[in-house]
């Protein structure tokens, strides 16, 4: 299986799955430390990426949840399944805070992970919500960009 730096296979996928396991356990049990399943076999790069995701999701938790709720019609965070909610938080974090990851890759990875750990229905839900989050984030970024100087002037 090829391992590209920003893509979905290999190291980054492994890191996302490790982050999911840690954040899911934290969500369900409240445990925030200790070993996570399969961590002994994980590659150093995957562990580093998982750590980045976990720290980022924790740091931006409130903002991420607001975006998810805004993007999911009639769904409050507590009504979402714990796996889907965690996958959404990871995907939203990447869309907002890891700009070198292409939007399509982030969403596809989240969908594949949801399909693996949740269900096809969960994967469709994740796809729709993250697509909405990505559009909202892109629109907000465009609104924040200053107009180019000299454009349209002589």
C-alpha atoms as a PDB file:
ATOM      1  CA  UNK A   1       0.000   0.000   0.000  1.00  0.00           C
ATOM      2  CA  UNK A   2       1.589   3.306  -1.028  1.00  0.00           C
ATOM      3  CA  UNK A   3       2.288   5.888   1.612  1.00  0.00           C
ATOM      4  CA  UNK A   4       2.103   9.448   0.477  1.00  0.00           C
ATOM      5  CA  UNK A   5       2.792  12.322   2.805  1.00  0.00           C
ATOM      6  CA  UNK A   6      -0.599  14.021   2.556  1.00  0.00           C
ATOM      7  CA  UNK A   7      -2.746  11.214   1.275  1.00  0.00           C
ATOM      8  CA  UNK A   8      -5.041   8.786   2.890  1.00  0.00           C
ATOM      9  CA  UNK A   9      -3.227   5.502   2.752  1.00  0.00           C
ATOM     10  CA  UNK A  10      -0.449   4.446   5.030  1.00  0.00           C
ATOM     11  CA  UNK A  11       0.869   6.659   7.755  1.00  0.00           C
ATOM     12  CA  UNK A  12      -1.806   9.357   7.781  1.00  0.00           C
ATOM     13  CA  UNK A  13      -4.661   6.819   7.783  1.00  0.00           C
ATOM     14  CA  UNK A  14      -2.969   4.965  10.626  1.00  0.00           C
ATOM     15  CA  UNK A  15      -2.632   8.239  12.557  1.00  0.00           C
ATOM     16  CA  UNK A  16      -6.277   9.123  12.008  1.00  0.00           C
ATOM     17  CA  UNK A  17      -7.394   5.694  13.223  1.00  0.00           C
ATOM     18  CA  UNK A  18      -5.199   5.920  16.318  1.00  0.00           C
ATOM     19  CA  UNK A  19      -6.606   9.388  17.052  1.00  0.00           C
ATOM     20  CA  UNK A  20     -10.132   8.019  16.620  1.00  0.00           C
ATOM     21  CA  UNK A  21      -9.462   5.253  19.137  1.00  0.00           C
ATOM     22  CA  UNK A  22      -8.005   7.638  21.691  1.00  0.00           C
ATOM     23  CA  UNK A  23     -10.673  10.329  21.296  1.00  0.00           C
ATOM     24  CA  UNK A  24     -13.482   7.758  21.233  1.00  0.00           C
ATOM     25  CA  UNK A  25     -12.223   6.200  24.461  1.00  0.00           C
ATOM     26  CA  UNK A  26     -11.973   9.660  25.998  1.00  0.00           C
ATOM     27  CA  UNK A  27     -15.517  10.492  24.855  1.00  0.00           C
ATOM     28  CA  UNK A  28     -17.058   7.295  26.214  1.00  0.00           C
ATOM     29  CA  UNK A  29     -15.042   6.690  29.391  1.00  0.00           C
ATOM     30  CA  UNK A  30     -13.439  10.016  30.252  1.00  0.00           C
ATOM     31  CA  UNK A  31      -9.988   8.379  30.263  1.00  0.00           C
ATOM     32  CA  UNK A  32      -7.480  10.760  28.670  1.00  0.00           C
ATOM     33  CA  UNK A  33      -4.228   8.883  29.057  1.00  0.00           C
ATOM     34  CA  UNK A  34      -2.884   5.387  28.943  1.00  0.00           C
ATOM     35  CA  UNK A  35      -2.128   3.105  26.027  1.00  0.00           C
ATOM     36  CA  UNK A  36      -4.446   2.784  23.089  1.00  0.00           C
ATOM     37  CA  UNK A  37      -5.046  -0.375  21.070  1.00  0.00           C
ATOM     38  CA  UNK A  38      -2.364  -1.196  18.491  1.00  0.00           C
ATOM     39  CA  UNK A  39      -0.108   1.633  19.622  1.00  0.00           C
ATOM     40  CA  UNK A  40       2.903  -0.643  20.044  1.00  0.00           C
ATOM     41  CA  UNK A  41       2.801  -1.506  16.332  1.00  0.00           C
ATOM     42  CA  UNK A  42       2.249   2.056  15.120  1.00  0.00           C
ATOM     43  CA  UNK A  43       4.864   3.867  13.083  1.00  0.00           C
ATOM     44  CA  UNK A  44       6.503   6.941  14.585  1.00  0.00           C
ATOM     45  CA  UNK A  45       5.032   9.226  11.907  1.00  0.00           C
ATOM     46  CA  UNK A  46       1.539   7.843  12.536  1.00  0.00           C
ATOM     47  CA  UNK A  47       1.901   8.408  16.274  1.00  0.00           C
ATOM     48  CA  UNK A  48       3.033  11.983  15.674  1.00  0.00           C
ATOM     49  CA  UNK A  49       0.082  12.661  13.364  1.00  0.00           C
ATOM     50  CA  UNK A  50      -2.347  11.064  15.847  1.00  0.00           C
ATOM     51  CA  UNK A  51      -0.903  13.223  18.627  1.00  0.00           C
ATOM     52  CA  UNK A  52      -1.312  16.352  16.478  1.00  0.00           C
ATOM     53  CA  UNK A  53      -4.943  15.458  15.770  1.00  0.00           C
ATOM     54  CA  UNK A  54      -5.796  14.668  19.390  1.00  0.00           C
ATOM     55  CA  UNK A  55      -4.225  17.883  20.684  1.00  0.00           C
ATOM     56  CA  UNK A  56      -5.908  19.912  17.939  1.00  0.00           C
ATOM     57  CA  UNK A  57      -9.351  18.424  18.513  1.00  0.00           C
ATOM     58  CA  UNK A  58      -9.037  19.072  22.238  1.00  0.00           C
ATOM     59  CA  UNK A  59      -7.800  22.630  21.720  1.00  0.00           C
ATOM     60  CA  UNK A  60     -10.492  23.569  19.171  1.00  0.00           C
ATOM     61  CA  UNK A  61     -13.267  21.384  20.609  1.00  0.00           C
ATOM     62  CA  UNK A  62     -15.912  24.092  21.091  1.00  0.00           C
ATOM     63  CA  UNK A  63     -15.328  25.696  17.689  1.00  0.00           C
ATOM     64  CA  UNK A  64     -15.362  22.288  15.982  1.00  0.00           C
ATOM     65  CA  UNK A  65     -18.611  21.280  17.668  1.00  0.00           C
ATOM     66  CA  UNK A  66     -20.255  24.580  16.695  1.00  0.00           C
ATOM     67  CA  UNK A  67     -19.306  23.984  13.065  1.00  0.00           C
ATOM     68  CA  UNK A  68     -20.555  20.405  13.139  1.00  0.00           C
ATOM     69  CA  UNK A  69     -23.908  21.426  14.628  1.00  0.00           C
ATOM     70  CA  UNK A  70     -24.270  24.243  12.086  1.00  0.00           C
ATOM     71  CA  UNK A  71     -23.531  21.785   9.274  1.00  0.00           C
ATOM     72  CA  UNK A  72     -25.839  19.003  10.459  1.00  0.00           C
ATOM     73  CA  UNK A  73     -29.507  19.842  10.146  1.00  0.00           C
ATOM     74  CA  UNK A  74     -31.551  18.943  13.214  1.00  0.00           C
ATOM     75  CA  UNK A  75     -28.721  17.021  14.867  1.00  0.00           C
ATOM     76  CA  UNK A  76     -27.241  18.090  18.162  1.00  0.00           C
ATOM     77  CA  UNK A  77     -23.870  16.656  19.183  1.00  0.00           C
ATOM     78  CA  UNK A  78     -25.271  14.333  21.912  1.00  0.00           C
ATOM     79  CA  UNK A  79     -27.690  12.724  19.420  1.00  0.00           C
ATOM     80  CA  UNK A  80     -24.847  11.641  17.131  1.00  0.00           C
ATOM     81  CA  UNK A  81     -23.246   8.262  17.600  1.00  0.00           C
ATOM     82  CA  UNK A  82     -19.952   8.468  19.483  1.00  0.00           C
ATOM     83  CA  UNK A  83     -17.926   7.067  16.573  1.00  0.00           C
ATOM     84  CA  UNK A  84     -19.541   9.377  14.008  1.00  0.00           C
ATOM     85  CA  UNK A  85     -19.155  12.352  16.342  1.00  0.00           C
ATOM     86  CA  UNK A  86     -15.465  11.568  16.853  1.00  0.00           C
ATOM     87  CA  UNK A  87     -14.804  11.046  13.134  1.00  0.00           C
ATOM     88  CA  UNK A  88     -16.539  14.369  12.436  1.00  0.00           C
ATOM     89  CA  UNK A  89     -14.392  16.154  15.005  1.00  0.00           C
ATOM     90  CA  UNK A  90     -11.209  14.747  13.478  1.00  0.00           C
ATOM     91  CA  UNK A  91     -12.300  15.668   9.948  1.00  0.00           C
ATOM     92  CA  UNK A  92     -13.432  19.146  10.963  1.00  0.00           C
ATOM     93  CA  UNK A  93     -10.134  19.725  12.766  1.00  0.00           C
ATOM     94  CA  UNK A  94      -8.192  18.756   9.650  1.00  0.00           C
ATOM     95  CA  UNK A  95     -10.360  20.949   7.412  1.00  0.00           C
ATOM     96  CA  UNK A  96      -9.861  23.936   9.694  1.00  0.00           C
ATOM     97  CA  UNK A  97      -6.330  23.550  10.963  1.00  0.00           C
ATOM     98  CA  UNK A  98      -4.314  21.356   8.582  1.00  0.00           C
ATOM     99  CA  UNK A  99      -4.438  23.370   5.359  1.00  0.00           C
ATOM    100  CA  UNK A 100      -1.862  21.239   3.527  1.00  0.00           C
ATOM    101  CA  UNK A 101      -4.315  18.312   3.482  1.00  0.00           C
ATOM    102  CA  UNK A 102      -6.584  18.525   0.422  1.00  0.00           C
ATOM    103  CA  UNK A 103     -10.292  18.852   1.276  1.00  0.00           C
ATOM    104  CA  UNK A 104     -11.202  15.820  -0.841  1.00  0.00           C
ATOM    105  CA  UNK A 105      -8.649  13.636   0.918  1.00  0.00           C
ATOM    106  CA  UNK A 106      -9.804  14.722   4.388  1.00  0.00           C
ATOM    107  CA  UNK A 107     -13.454  14.025   3.608  1.00  0.00           C
ATOM    108  CA  UNK A 108     -12.726  10.721   1.852  1.00  0.00           C
ATOM    109  CA  UNK A 109     -10.578   9.541   4.751  1.00  0.00           C
ATOM    110  CA  UNK A 110     -13.276  10.426   7.264  1.00  0.00           C
ATOM    111  CA  UNK A 111     -15.890   8.591   5.196  1.00  0.00           C
ATOM    112  CA  UNK A 112     -13.725   5.475   4.883  1.00  0.00           C
ATOM    113  CA  UNK A 113     -12.954   5.468   8.601  1.00  0.00           C
ATOM    114  CA  UNK A 114     -16.646   5.944   9.432  1.00  0.00           C
ATOM    115  CA  UNK A 115     -17.501   3.077   7.114  1.00  0.00           C
ATOM    116  CA  UNK A 116     -14.905   0.881   8.849  1.00  0.00           C
ATOM    117  CA  UNK A 117     -15.796   1.758  12.461  1.00  0.00           C
ATOM    118  CA  UNK A 118     -19.443   2.823  12.183  1.00  0.00           C
ATOM    119  CA  UNK A 119     -21.760   2.014   9.255  1.00  0.00           C
ATOM    120  CA  UNK A 120     -22.587   2.968   5.680  1.00  0.00           C
ATOM    121  CA  UNK A 121     -25.288   5.285   7.048  1.00  0.00           C
ATOM    122  CA  UNK A 122     -22.728   6.861   9.387  1.00  0.00           C
ATOM    123  CA  UNK A 123     -20.334   7.269   6.465  1.00  0.00           C
ATOM    124  CA  UNK A 124     -23.005   9.104   4.437  1.00  0.00           C
ATOM    125  CA  UNK A 125     -23.751  11.342   7.418  1.00  0.00           C
ATOM    126  CA  UNK A 126     -20.044  12.123   7.894  1.00  0.00           C
ATOM    127  CA  UNK A 127     -19.688  12.882   4.179  1.00  0.00           C
ATOM    128  CA  UNK A 128     -22.590  15.337   4.165  1.00  0.00           C
ATOM    129  CA  UNK A 129     -21.608  17.136   7.343  1.00  0.00           C
ATOM    130  CA  UNK A 130     -17.921  17.489   6.439  1.00  0.00           C
ATOM    131  CA  UNK A 131     -18.775  18.661   2.928  1.00  0.00           C
ATOM    132  CA  UNK A 132     -20.881  21.392   4.528  1.00  0.00           C
ATOM    133  CA  UNK A 133     -18.118  22.241   7.039  1.00  0.00           C
ATOM    134  CA  UNK A 134     -15.585  22.475   4.184  1.00  0.00           C
ATOM    135  CA  UNK A 135     -17.820  24.822   2.176  1.00  0.00           C
ATOM    136  CA  UNK A 136     -18.456  27.007   5.232  1.00  0.00           C
ATOM    137  CA  UNK A 137     -14.744  27.113   6.105  1.00  0.00           C
ATOM    138  CA  UNK A 138     -13.821  27.945   2.507  1.00  0.00           C
ATOM    139  CA  UNK A 139     -16.438  30.728   2.375  1.00  0.00           C
ATOM    140  CA  UNK A 140     -15.185  32.141   5.686  1.00  0.00           C
ATOM    141  CA  UNK A 141     -11.571  32.066   4.452  1.00  0.00           C
ATOM    142  CA  UNK A 142     -12.545  33.893   1.264  1.00  0.00           C
ATOM    143  CA  UNK A 143     -14.390  36.522   3.300  1.00  0.00           C
ATOM    144  CA  UNK A 144     -11.273  37.045   5.436  1.00  0.00           C
ATOM    145  CA  UNK A 145      -8.906  37.491   2.462  1.00  0.00           C
ATOM    146  CA  UNK A 146      -8.105  41.117   1.680  1.00  0.00           C
ATOM    147  CA  UNK A 147      -8.942  42.279  -1.823  1.00  0.00           C
ATOM    148  CA  UNK A 148      -5.948  42.327  -4.150  1.00  0.00           C
ATOM    149  CA  UNK A 149      -4.505  45.793  -4.454  1.00  0.00           C
ATOM    150  CA  UNK A 150      -4.664  47.354  -7.845  1.00  0.00           C
ATOM    151  CA  UNK A 151      -7.168  44.901  -9.265  1.00  0.00           C
ATOM    152  CA  UNK A 152      -9.505  46.672 -11.625  1.00  0.00           C
ATOM    153  CA  UNK A 153      -7.725  50.028 -11.356  1.00  0.00           C
ATOM    154  CA  UNK A 154      -5.687  51.866 -13.946  1.00  0.00           C
END
